[in-house]
C-alpha atoms as a PDB file:
ATOM      1  CA  MET A   1      24.692  -3.417  15.163  1.00  0.00           C
ATOM      2  CA  ILE A   2      22.418  -5.595  13.024  1.00  0.00           C
ATOM      3  CA  TRP A   3      20.875  -4.065   9.902  1.00  0.00           C
ATOM      4  CA  LYS A   4      17.082  -4.318   9.837  1.00  0.00           C
ATOM      5  CA  PRO A   5      14.854  -3.346   6.920  1.00  0.00           C
ATOM      6  CA  HIS A   6      11.378  -1.905   7.445  1.00  0.00           C
ATOM      7  CA  VAL A   7       8.708  -4.501   6.625  1.00  0.00           C
ATOM      8  CA  THR A   8       5.635  -2.890   5.090  1.00  0.00           C
ATOM      9  CA  VAL A   9       2.396  -3.957   3.428  1.00  0.00           C
ATOM     10  CA  SER A  10       0.302  -2.213   0.783  1.00  0.00           C
ATOM     11  CA  ALA A  11      -3.114  -2.690  -0.819  1.00  0.00           C
ATOM     12  CA  ILE A  12      -3.497  -2.543  -4.603  1.00  0.00           C
ATOM     13  CA  VAL A  13      -7.238  -2.092  -5.101  1.00  0.00           C
ATOM     14  CA  SER A  14      -8.847  -1.448  -8.483  1.00  0.00           C
ATOM     15  CA  VAL A  15     -12.514  -0.597  -9.025  1.00  0.00           C
ATOM     16  CA  ASN A  16     -13.719   0.398 -12.511  1.00  0.00           C
ATOM     17  CA  ASP A  17     -10.089   0.857 -13.661  1.00  0.00           C
ATOM     18  CA  LYS A  18      -9.338   3.301 -10.834  1.00  0.00           C
ATOM     19  CA  PHE A  19      -6.943   2.574  -7.993  1.00  0.00           C
ATOM     20  CA  LEU A  20      -7.516   3.299  -4.323  1.00  0.00           C
ATOM     21  CA  LEU A  21      -4.809   5.690  -3.177  1.00  0.00           C
ATOM     22  CA  ILE A  22      -4.222   8.054  -0.323  1.00  0.00           C
ATOM     23  CA  ARG A  23      -2.753  11.521  -0.162  1.00  0.00           C
ATOM     24  CA  GLU A  24      -0.641  11.765   2.968  1.00  0.00           C
ATOM     25  CA  VAL A  25       2.030  13.986   4.464  1.00  0.00           C
ATOM     26  CA  SER A  26       5.568  12.601   4.430  1.00  0.00           C
ATOM     27  CA  ASP A  27       8.473  14.769   5.572  1.00  0.00           C
ATOM     28  CA  GLY A  28       6.183  17.785   5.482  1.00  0.00           C
ATOM     29  CA  GLN A  29       5.127  17.238   1.848  1.00  0.00           C
ATOM     30  CA  PRO A  30       1.895  15.817   0.422  1.00  0.00           C
ATOM     31  CA  VAL A  31       2.537  12.560  -1.430  1.00  0.00           C
ATOM     32  CA  ILE A  32       0.437   9.816  -3.048  1.00  0.00           C
ATOM     33  CA  ASN A  33       0.659   6.227  -1.864  1.00  0.00           C
ATOM     34  CA  GLN A  34      -1.405   3.092  -1.650  1.00  0.00           C
ATOM     35  CA  PRO A  35      -2.912   2.322   1.745  1.00  0.00           C
ATOM     36  CA  SER A  36       0.280   1.008   3.331  1.00  0.00           C
ATOM     37  CA  GLY A  37       2.057   0.663   6.607  1.00  0.00           C
ATOM     38  CA  HIS A  38       4.437  -1.214   8.826  1.00  0.00           C
ATOM     39  CA  LEU A  39       4.001  -4.756  10.031  1.00  0.00           C
ATOM     40  CA  GLU A  40       3.474  -4.728  13.794  1.00  0.00           C
ATOM     41  CA  GLU A  41       4.845  -7.236  16.264  1.00  0.00           C
ATOM     42  CA  ASN A  42       2.766 -10.447  16.577  1.00  0.00           C
ATOM     43  CA  GLU A  43       0.716  -9.523  13.469  1.00  0.00           C
ATOM     44  CA  THR A  44       0.444 -11.578  10.284  1.00  0.00           C
ATOM     45  CA  LEU A  45       1.085  -9.879   6.953  1.00  0.00           C
ATOM     46  CA  VAL A  46      -2.560 -10.402   5.942  1.00  0.00           C
ATOM     47  CA  ASP A  47      -3.829  -8.957   9.223  1.00  0.00           C
ATOM     48  CA  ALA A  48      -1.473  -5.991   8.757  1.00  0.00           C
ATOM     49  CA  ILE A  49      -2.822  -5.065   5.323  1.00  0.00           C
ATOM     50  CA  ILE A  50      -6.439  -5.403   6.457  1.00  0.00           C
ATOM     51  CA  ARG A  51      -5.717  -3.094   9.422  1.00  0.00           C
ATOM     52  CA  GLU A  52      -3.652  -0.562   7.464  1.00  0.00           C
ATOM     53  CA  THR A  53      -6.201  -0.260   4.662  1.00  0.00           C
ATOM     54  CA  LEU A  54      -8.988   0.440   7.152  1.00  0.00           C
ATOM     55  CA  GLU A  55      -6.899   2.916   9.174  1.00  0.00           C
ATOM     56  CA  GLU A  56      -5.694   4.851   6.138  1.00  0.00           C
ATOM     57  CA  SER A  57      -8.687   4.731   3.774  1.00  0.00           C
ATOM     58  CA  ALA A  58     -11.749   3.768   5.878  1.00  0.00           C
ATOM     59  CA  TRP A  59     -12.356   0.836   3.499  1.00  0.00           C
ATOM     60  CA  HIS A  60     -12.586  -2.770   4.680  1.00  0.00           C
ATOM     61  CA  PHE A  61     -10.142  -4.820   2.604  1.00  0.00           C
ATOM     62  CA  ASN A  62     -10.352  -8.516   1.782  1.00  0.00           C
ATOM     63  CA  PRO A  63      -6.982  -9.581   0.319  1.00  0.00           C
ATOM     64  CA  SER A  64      -7.115 -12.318  -2.306  1.00  0.00           C
ATOM     65  CA  HIS A  65      -3.585 -12.443  -3.774  1.00  0.00           C
ATOM     66  CA  LEU A  66      -0.037 -11.272  -3.291  1.00  0.00           C
ATOM     67  CA  ILE A  67       1.119  -9.064  -6.192  1.00  0.00           C
ATOM     68  CA  GLY A  68       4.783  -9.108  -5.279  1.00  0.00           C
ATOM     69  CA  ILE A  69       7.522  -8.490  -2.751  1.00  0.00           C
ATOM     70  CA  TYR A  70       9.571  -5.344  -3.305  1.00  0.00           C
ATOM     71  CA  ARG A  71      12.897  -4.158  -1.881  1.00  0.00           C
ATOM     72  CA  TRP A  72      13.659  -0.436  -2.087  1.00  0.00           C
ATOM     73  CA  LYS A  73      16.316   1.723  -0.469  1.00  0.00           C
ATOM     74  CA  SER A  74      15.302   5.342  -0.011  1.00  0.00           C
ATOM     75  CA  LEU A  75      17.957   7.859  -0.967  1.00  0.00           C
ATOM     76  CA  HIS A  76      16.156  10.383   1.223  1.00  0.00           C
ATOM     77  CA  ASN A  77      16.509   8.590   4.566  1.00  0.00           C
ATOM     78  CA  ASN A  78      18.898   5.749   3.635  1.00  0.00           C
ATOM     79  CA  GLN A  79      16.372   3.188   4.924  1.00  0.00           C
ATOM     80  CA  THR A  80      15.531  -0.073   3.181  1.00  0.00           C
ATOM     81  CA  TYR A  81      11.917  -1.170   2.852  1.00  0.00           C
ATOM     82  CA  ILE A  82      10.572  -4.640   2.099  1.00  0.00           C
ATOM     83  CA  ARG A  83       6.998  -4.242   0.806  1.00  0.00           C
ATOM     84  CA  PHE A  84       4.431  -7.023   0.485  1.00  0.00           C
ATOM     85  CA  ALA A  85       1.800  -5.797  -1.975  1.00  0.00           C
ATOM     86  CA  PHE A  86      -1.635  -7.417  -1.866  1.00  0.00           C
ATOM     87  CA  THR A  87      -4.662  -7.141  -4.095  1.00  0.00           C
ATOM     88  CA  GLY A  88      -8.262  -7.879  -3.255  1.00  0.00           C
ATOM     89  CA  GLU A  89     -11.610  -6.175  -2.867  1.00  0.00           C
ATOM     90  CA  VAL A  90     -12.920  -3.447  -0.620  1.00  0.00           C
ATOM     91  CA  SER A  91     -16.345  -3.225   0.968  1.00  0.00           C
ATOM     92  CA  ASP A  92     -18.089  -1.341   3.733  1.00  0.00           C
ATOM     93  CA  PHE A  93     -16.707   2.181   3.539  1.00  0.00           C
ATOM     94  CA  GLU A  94     -16.804   3.846   6.974  1.00  0.00           C
ATOM     95  CA  LYS A  95     -17.451   7.452   5.908  1.00  0.00           C
ATOM     96  CA  THR A  96     -17.327   8.805   9.476  1.00  0.00           C
ATOM     97  CA  ARG A  97     -14.103   7.004  10.415  1.00  0.00           C
ATOM     98  CA  THR A  98     -11.168   9.194  11.439  1.00  0.00           C
ATOM     99  CA  LEU A  99      -8.162   8.358   9.270  1.00  0.00           C
ATOM    100  CA  ASP A 100      -4.624   7.892  10.583  1.00  0.00           C
ATOM    101  CA  GLU A 101      -2.623  10.981  11.443  1.00  0.00           C
ATOM    102  CA  GLY A 102      -0.993  12.417   8.328  1.00  0.00           C
ATOM    103  CA  ILE A 103      -3.644  11.139   5.910  1.00  0.00           C
ATOM    104  CA  ILE A 104      -5.151  14.031   3.950  1.00  0.00           C
ATOM    105  CA  GLU A 105      -7.691  12.151   1.820  1.00  0.00           C
ATOM    106  CA  THR A 106      -8.430   9.030  -0.183  1.00  0.00           C
ATOM    107  CA  LEU A 107      -8.237   9.177  -3.968  1.00  0.00           C
ATOM    108  CA  TRP A 108      -9.355   6.999  -6.872  1.00  0.00           C
ATOM    109  CA  LEU A 109      -7.004   7.488  -9.836  1.00  0.00           C
ATOM    110  CA  ASN A 110      -6.649   5.574 -13.094  1.00  0.00           C
ATOM    111  CA  HIS A 111      -3.244   4.510 -14.430  1.00  0.00           C
ATOM    112  CA  GLU A 112      -2.894   7.589 -16.650  1.00  0.00           C
ATOM    113  CA  GLU A 113      -3.645   9.922 -13.740  1.00  0.00           C
ATOM    114  CA  LEU A 114      -1.123   8.049 -11.630  1.00  0.00           C
ATOM    115  CA  LEU A 115       1.509   8.540 -14.353  1.00  0.00           C
ATOM    116  CA  GLU A 116       0.655  12.248 -14.490  1.00  0.00           C
ATOM    117  CA  ASN A 117       1.355  12.419 -10.743  1.00  0.00           C
ATOM    118  CA  ARG A 118       4.529  10.295 -10.748  1.00  0.00           C
ATOM    119  CA  ASP A 119       6.577  13.145  -9.233  1.00  0.00           C
ATOM    120  CA  ARG A 120       4.183  13.171  -6.261  1.00  0.00           C
ATOM    121  CA  LEU A 121       4.440   9.446  -5.453  1.00  0.00           C
ATOM    122  CA  ARG A 122       5.831   8.534  -2.050  1.00  0.00           C
ATOM    123  CA  SER A 123       8.164   5.972  -3.598  1.00  0.00           C
ATOM    124  CA  PRO A 124       8.770   4.225  -6.924  1.00  0.00           C
ATOM    125  CA  MET A 125       7.099   1.153  -5.408  1.00  0.00           C
ATOM    126  CA  VAL A 126       3.681   2.817  -5.825  1.00  0.00           C
ATOM    127  CA  LEU A 127       3.809   2.757  -9.618  1.00  0.00           C
ATOM    128  CA  GLN A 128       5.710  -0.552  -9.798  1.00  0.00           C
ATOM    129  CA  CYS A 129       2.999  -2.317  -7.780  1.00  0.00           C
ATOM    130  CA  VAL A 130       0.251  -0.920 -10.025  1.00  0.00           C
ATOM    131  CA  ASN A 131       2.181  -1.900 -13.157  1.00  0.00           C
ATOM    132  CA  ASP A 132       2.641  -5.438 -11.830  1.00  0.00           C
ATOM    133  CA  TYR A 133      -1.083  -5.589 -11.025  1.00  0.00           C
ATOM    134  CA  LEU A 134      -1.939  -4.451 -14.572  1.00  0.00           C
ATOM    135  CA  GLN A 135       0.410  -7.116 -15.975  1.00  0.00           C
ATOM    136  CA  GLY A 136      -1.687  -9.722 -14.158  1.00  0.00           C
ATOM    137  CA  LYS A 137       0.850 -10.734 -11.528  1.00  0.00           C
ATOM    138  CA  ARG A 138      -1.000 -12.675  -8.822  1.00  0.00           C
ATOM    139  CA  PHE A 139       0.353 -15.160  -6.311  1.00  0.00           C
ATOM    140  CA  PRO A 140      -1.731 -17.202  -3.880  1.00  0.00           C
ATOM    141  CA  LEU A 141      -1.811 -16.045  -0.275  1.00  0.00           C
ATOM    142  CA  GLU A 142      -0.695 -19.561   0.649  1.00  0.00           C
ATOM    143  CA  LEU A 143       2.755 -18.492  -0.554  1.00  0.00           C
ATOM    144  CA  ILE A 144       3.105 -16.744   2.810  1.00  0.00           C
ATOM    145  CA  LYS A 145       3.867 -19.131   5.652  1.00  0.00           C
ATOM    146  CA  GLU A 146       3.293 -17.791   9.161  1.00  0.00           C
ATOM    147  CA  ILE A 147       5.234 -20.128  11.460  1.00  0.00           C
END
């Protein structure tokens, strides 16, 4: 059997020093995460993060940079995740849009509030991505080659 990690994307969006986050249910517990999700077959990474952000937050996302690529192995389910974290801007909030199943609400939290909720984060990648964003890490989208 061939080992396969889960490829995911996430949106790191900051407006007025607050970050767009979602409260969702994972394994029966409410957790905080960025708008994130799995890459689907025949989908580019950029298309995936645009779709996932809309489905999970009702915000239209325009990615501008890659923040980083993260590898994390969950001790809970023994699965490995490869996350591509993007930053950019949101526009056109669809207030009547039905969010994906399991999404409780969208949140806007500053870094301090995120630290206060660190025990409620879905994974350590949530805070690491925000910290990298705050440190100014930005890579051009051209770094990703879709062949």
